[in-house]
Amino acid sequence: MLVLTFIIGLLLNAMGYVPPGNINLTLAQLTINRGMRQAWGFILAFSCIEVFFTFGMMRLARWVSSDVDIDKIKVGAFQLSFLVDVFMVVLLLTMATLAWINRNKSIEPKTATDSRKGSVLYGVILGVLNPVQIPFWLFFGNYVILHEWVNTDYLSLVVFSFGSGFGSMLALYGYAHFAQYIQEKFALSSRLINKCISIFLYCLALYLIVKQVLIYLG
C-alpha cells in the first residue's frame, strides 16, 4: 500500500508540472543560461520544498469536505482563486520582465560553487512562492483521500509527500533536459530562447488577467 501511495504522489505531482508554467519555464531558462549542473541544484532544492509543502496541504485537505467548492473558499473578502491569480500575475510579470531585461546577458558566475548556491536558493524561493499549488492540492488531495487511494495516517502522508517530491523532480528534469536538447539540436541562441520564455510568461499573466476580468463581468 505504501508503494502505491508513493507512486500516486509521484504521478499526480509530475502531471501537475507538465503544462508550461512559471516554474518549468524558469528552469528551462536557467538550464540554457547556466547549464545542467546548476539546473540540478534548482531541481533538488525545489523538490525538497515540495515534499514539505505537499505534506502540509494534504493535512489540510483532510479537513476539506467533498462538497466544498475550491473556487468559493474565501480569505477575508476575497476568494482564494482570485488571490492566487493576483499573486501569480505579479510573479509572472516580474519574472518575464527580468527575463526580457537579461535576454542579451550571459550569466557567468564567479565560481561553480557560487552558481550552485544561487541555483539552490532560487529553487527554495520559487518552491515557497508557488501559490498555484494550494488549490491544486486542496482539490486533488481531497480527491485521492475521499476515494481512499491514500490513507491519512502520518506515515502514508509522508510517503505520499516524498512521492510528490520525486514527481516534481522527474518532471522538472524532463523540462531541463528538453531545453538543453532543443538548444543543441537546433543550434538556437540563448537570446532567442530567453525572449520566447519571457513572451510566454507575459502571455500566461495576460491569460490570468483576462480570466479574472471575464469572471468579474460574468
Protein backbone atom coordinates (compact mmCIF):
# COMPACT_ATOMS: atom_id res chain seq x y z
CA MET A 1 0.00 0.00 0.00
CA LEU A 2 2.82 2.40 0.82
CA VAL A 3 4.46 1.69 -2.54
CA LEU A 4 1.18 2.53 -4.29
CA THR A 5 0.87 5.68 -2.16
CA PHE A 6 4.36 6.75 -3.26
CA ILE A 7 3.54 6.10 -6.94
CA ILE A 8 0.26 8.05 -6.73
CA GLY A 9 2.08 11.04 -5.21
CA LEU A 10 4.80 10.81 -7.87
CA LEU A 11 2.40 10.61 -10.83
CA LEU A 12 0.00 13.23 -9.52
CA ASN A 13 2.62 15.91 -8.95
CA ALA A 14 4.55 15.04 -12.11
CA MET A 15 1.39 15.60 -14.15
CA GLY A 16 0.91 18.92 -12.40
CA TYR A 17 4.20 20.21 -13.80
CA VAL A 18 3.71 19.01 -17.38
CA PRO A 19 1.80 22.13 -18.57
CA PRO A 20 4.17 25.08 -19.18
CA GLY A 21 4.24 27.43 -16.22
CA ASN A 22 6.47 29.83 -14.35
CA ILE A 23 8.42 27.05 -12.60
CA ASN A 24 9.32 24.80 -15.51
CA LEU A 25 9.93 27.68 -17.92
CA THR A 26 12.18 29.39 -15.39
CA LEU A 27 14.08 26.14 -15.02
CA ALA A 28 14.41 25.85 -18.81
CA GLN A 29 15.89 29.35 -18.91
CA LEU A 30 18.25 28.53 -16.05
CA THR A 31 19.41 25.38 -17.84
CA ILE A 32 20.15 27.28 -21.05
CA ASN A 33 21.97 30.11 -19.28
CA ARG A 34 23.92 28.15 -16.65
CA GLY A 35 23.96 24.52 -17.66
CA MET A 36 22.61 21.24 -16.31
CA ARG A 37 24.64 21.21 -13.08
CA GLN A 38 23.05 24.44 -11.87
CA ALA A 39 19.65 23.20 -13.05
CA TRP A 40 20.05 20.16 -10.79
CA GLY A 41 20.69 22.45 -7.82
CA PHE A 42 17.40 24.22 -8.55
CA ILE A 43 15.51 20.95 -9.07
CA LEU A 44 16.71 19.32 -5.86
CA ALA A 45 16.04 22.40 -3.72
CA PHE A 46 12.60 22.96 -5.24
CA SER A 47 11.64 19.29 -4.84
CA CYS A 48 12.68 19.28 -1.18
CA ILE A 49 10.40 22.25 -0.52
CA GLU A 50 7.67 20.44 -2.45
CA VAL A 51 7.83 17.50 -0.01
CA PHE A 52 7.08 19.73 3.00
CA PHE A 53 4.50 21.75 1.08
CA THR A 54 2.65 18.63 -0.05
CA PHE A 55 2.57 17.20 3.45
CA GLY A 56 1.08 20.40 4.85
CA MET A 57 -1.51 20.65 2.09
CA MET A 58 -2.52 17.00 2.43
CA ARG A 59 -3.05 17.52 6.14
CA LEU A 60 -5.24 20.49 5.28
CA ALA A 61 -7.09 18.53 2.60
CA ARG A 62 -8.27 16.07 5.25
CA TRP A 63 -10.45 18.83 6.68
CA VAL A 64 -11.96 19.87 3.36
CA SER A 65 -15.31 18.15 2.81
CA SER A 66 -16.34 16.75 -0.57
CA ASP A 67 -18.98 19.42 -1.17
CA VAL A 68 -16.58 22.34 -0.78
CA ASP A 69 -16.15 24.40 -3.93
CA ILE A 70 -12.46 25.37 -4.06
CA ASP A 71 -13.26 28.43 -6.15
CA LYS A 72 -15.56 29.76 -3.39
CA ILE A 73 -13.11 29.48 -0.50
CA LYS A 74 -12.51 32.99 0.82
CA VAL A 75 -9.61 34.66 2.56
CA GLY A 76 -11.08 37.77 4.12
CA ALA A 77 -13.21 39.50 1.50
CA PHE A 78 -11.52 37.82 -1.47
CA GLN A 79 -11.86 34.38 -2.99
CA LEU A 80 -8.81 32.15 -2.73
CA SER A 81 -8.72 31.62 -6.50
CA PHE A 82 -8.66 35.40 -7.05
CA LEU A 83 -5.78 35.94 -4.60
CA VAL A 84 -3.80 33.10 -6.17
CA ASP A 85 -4.30 34.58 -9.65
CA VAL A 86 -3.28 38.07 -8.48
CA PHE A 87 -0.12 36.72 -6.89
CA MET A 88 0.68 34.66 -9.98
CA VAL A 89 0.17 37.67 -12.27
CA VAL A 90 2.61 39.73 -10.20
CA LEU A 91 5.11 36.86 -10.08
CA LEU A 92 4.82 36.09 -13.81
CA LEU A 93 5.16 39.74 -14.81
CA THR A 94 8.21 40.14 -12.57
CA MET A 95 9.91 37.02 -13.89
CA ALA A 96 9.02 37.81 -17.51
CA THR A 97 10.36 41.35 -17.18
CA LEU A 98 13.60 40.16 -15.59
CA ALA A 99 13.99 37.55 -18.33
CA TRP A 100 13.42 40.18 -21.01
CA ILE A 101 15.85 42.65 -19.45
CA ASN A 102 18.55 39.98 -19.16
CA ARG A 103 17.86 38.33 -22.52
CA ASN A 104 21.15 39.58 -24.01
CA LYS A 105 23.25 38.95 -20.93
CA SER A 106 25.34 35.87 -20.43
CA ILE A 107 25.19 34.81 -16.79
CA GLU A 108 28.68 33.88 -15.75
CA PRO A 109 29.01 33.27 -12.00
CA LYS A 110 32.38 33.83 -10.38
CA THR A 111 32.74 30.22 -9.29
CA ALA A 112 30.84 26.98 -9.76
CA THR A 113 30.13 26.89 -6.02
CA ASP A 114 28.56 30.34 -6.08
CA SER A 115 26.48 29.31 -9.07
CA ARG A 116 25.18 26.18 -7.35
CA LYS A 117 24.34 28.15 -4.21
CA GLY A 118 22.44 30.69 -6.29
CA SER A 119 20.51 27.96 -8.11
CA VAL A 120 19.64 26.21 -4.84
CA LEU A 121 18.44 29.48 -3.30
CA TYR A 122 16.41 30.21 -6.42
CA GLY A 123 14.78 26.78 -6.15
CA VAL A 124 13.92 27.34 -2.48
CA ILE A 125 12.40 30.78 -3.17
CA LEU A 126 10.22 29.56 -6.04
CA GLY A 127 9.29 26.48 -4.03
CA VAL A 128 7.91 28.72 -1.28
CA LEU A 129 6.39 31.28 -3.67
CA ASN A 130 4.27 28.75 -5.54
CA PRO A 131 0.66 29.53 -4.53
CA VAL A 132 -0.85 27.81 -7.55
CA GLN A 133 -0.16 24.53 -5.72
CA ILE A 134 -2.62 25.47 -2.96
CA PRO A 135 -5.83 24.94 -4.97
CA PHE A 136 -4.13 22.06 -6.81
CA TRP A 137 -3.55 20.06 -3.63
CA LEU A 138 -6.80 21.13 -1.99
CA PHE A 139 -8.65 19.63 -4.95
CA PHE A 140 -6.55 16.58 -5.85
CA GLY A 141 -5.51 15.89 -2.27
CA ASN A 142 -9.14 15.85 -1.21
CA TYR A 143 -9.98 13.70 -4.23
CA VAL A 144 -7.47 10.92 -3.51
CA ILE A 145 -8.38 10.92 0.19
CA LEU A 146 -12.13 10.69 -0.44
CA HIS A 147 -11.62 7.86 -2.92
CA GLU A 148 -9.41 6.11 -0.33
CA TRP A 149 -6.45 5.96 -2.70
CA VAL A 150 -4.28 7.38 0.08
CA ASN A 151 -4.57 6.81 3.81
CA THR A 152 -4.39 9.83 6.10
CA ASP A 153 -2.08 8.47 8.79
CA TYR A 154 1.27 10.23 9.21
CA LEU A 155 3.36 7.51 7.58
CA SER A 156 1.17 7.37 4.47
CA LEU A 157 1.17 11.15 4.07
CA VAL A 158 4.96 11.26 4.50
CA VAL A 159 5.40 8.58 1.82
CA PHE A 160 2.92 10.39 -0.45
CA SER A 161 4.81 13.66 0.04
CA PHE A 162 8.14 12.07 -0.86
CA GLY A 163 6.48 10.65 -3.95
CA SER A 164 5.28 14.15 -4.77
CA GLY A 165 8.83 15.46 -4.41
CA PHE A 166 10.18 12.79 -6.74
CA GLY A 167 7.38 13.54 -9.18
CA SER A 168 8.29 17.20 -9.41
CA MET A 169 11.96 16.22 -9.71
CA LEU A 170 11.28 13.95 -12.69
CA ALA A 171 9.01 16.44 -14.44
CA LEU A 172 11.42 19.34 -13.98
CA TYR A 173 14.39 17.25 -15.06
CA GLY A 174 12.43 16.43 -18.22
CA TYR A 175 11.96 20.14 -18.92
CA ALA A 176 15.63 20.92 -18.24
CA HIS A 177 16.84 18.07 -20.44
CA PHE A 178 14.39 19.03 -23.21
CA ALA A 179 15.51 22.68 -23.11
CA GLN A 180 19.14 21.63 -23.40
CA TYR A 181 18.30 19.20 -26.22
CA ILE A 182 16.35 21.81 -28.19
CA GLN A 183 19.16 24.34 -27.91
CA GLU A 184 21.81 21.87 -29.04
CA LYS A 185 19.73 20.12 -31.70
CA PHE A 186 18.55 23.24 -33.47
CA ALA A 187 21.52 25.48 -32.57
CA LEU A 188 19.21 28.09 -31.07
CA SER A 189 20.79 31.04 -29.34
CA SER A 190 20.24 31.69 -25.64
CA ARG A 191 18.96 35.15 -26.57
CA LEU A 192 16.17 33.73 -28.74
CA ILE A 193 15.09 31.14 -26.18
CA ASN A 194 15.16 33.67 -23.34
CA LYS A 195 12.96 36.01 -25.39
CA CYS A 196 10.50 33.20 -26.14
CA ILE A 197 10.28 32.22 -22.47
CA SER A 198 9.78 35.85 -21.46
CA ILE A 199 6.98 36.30 -24.00
CA PHE A 200 5.32 33.07 -22.90
CA LEU A 201 5.36 34.20 -19.26
CA TYR A 202 3.78 37.50 -20.31
CA CYS A 203 1.08 35.51 -22.14
CA LEU A 204 0.39 33.43 -19.02
CA ALA A 205 0.00 36.62 -16.97
CA LEU A 206 -2.33 38.07 -19.62
CA TYR A 207 -4.41 34.89 -19.58
CA LEU A 208 -4.91 35.15 -15.80
CA ILE A 209 -5.86 38.83 -16.10
CA VAL A 210 -8.41 38.12 -18.86
CA LYS A 211 -9.77 35.20 -16.84
CA GLN A 212 -10.46 37.39 -13.79
CA VAL A 213 -11.97 40.16 -15.95
CA LEU A 214 -14.37 37.66 -17.53
CA ILE A 215 -15.30 36.31 -14.10
CA TYR A 216 -15.95 39.87 -12.88
CA LEU A 217 -18.05 40.77 -15.94
CA GLY A 218 -19.91 37.49 -15.79
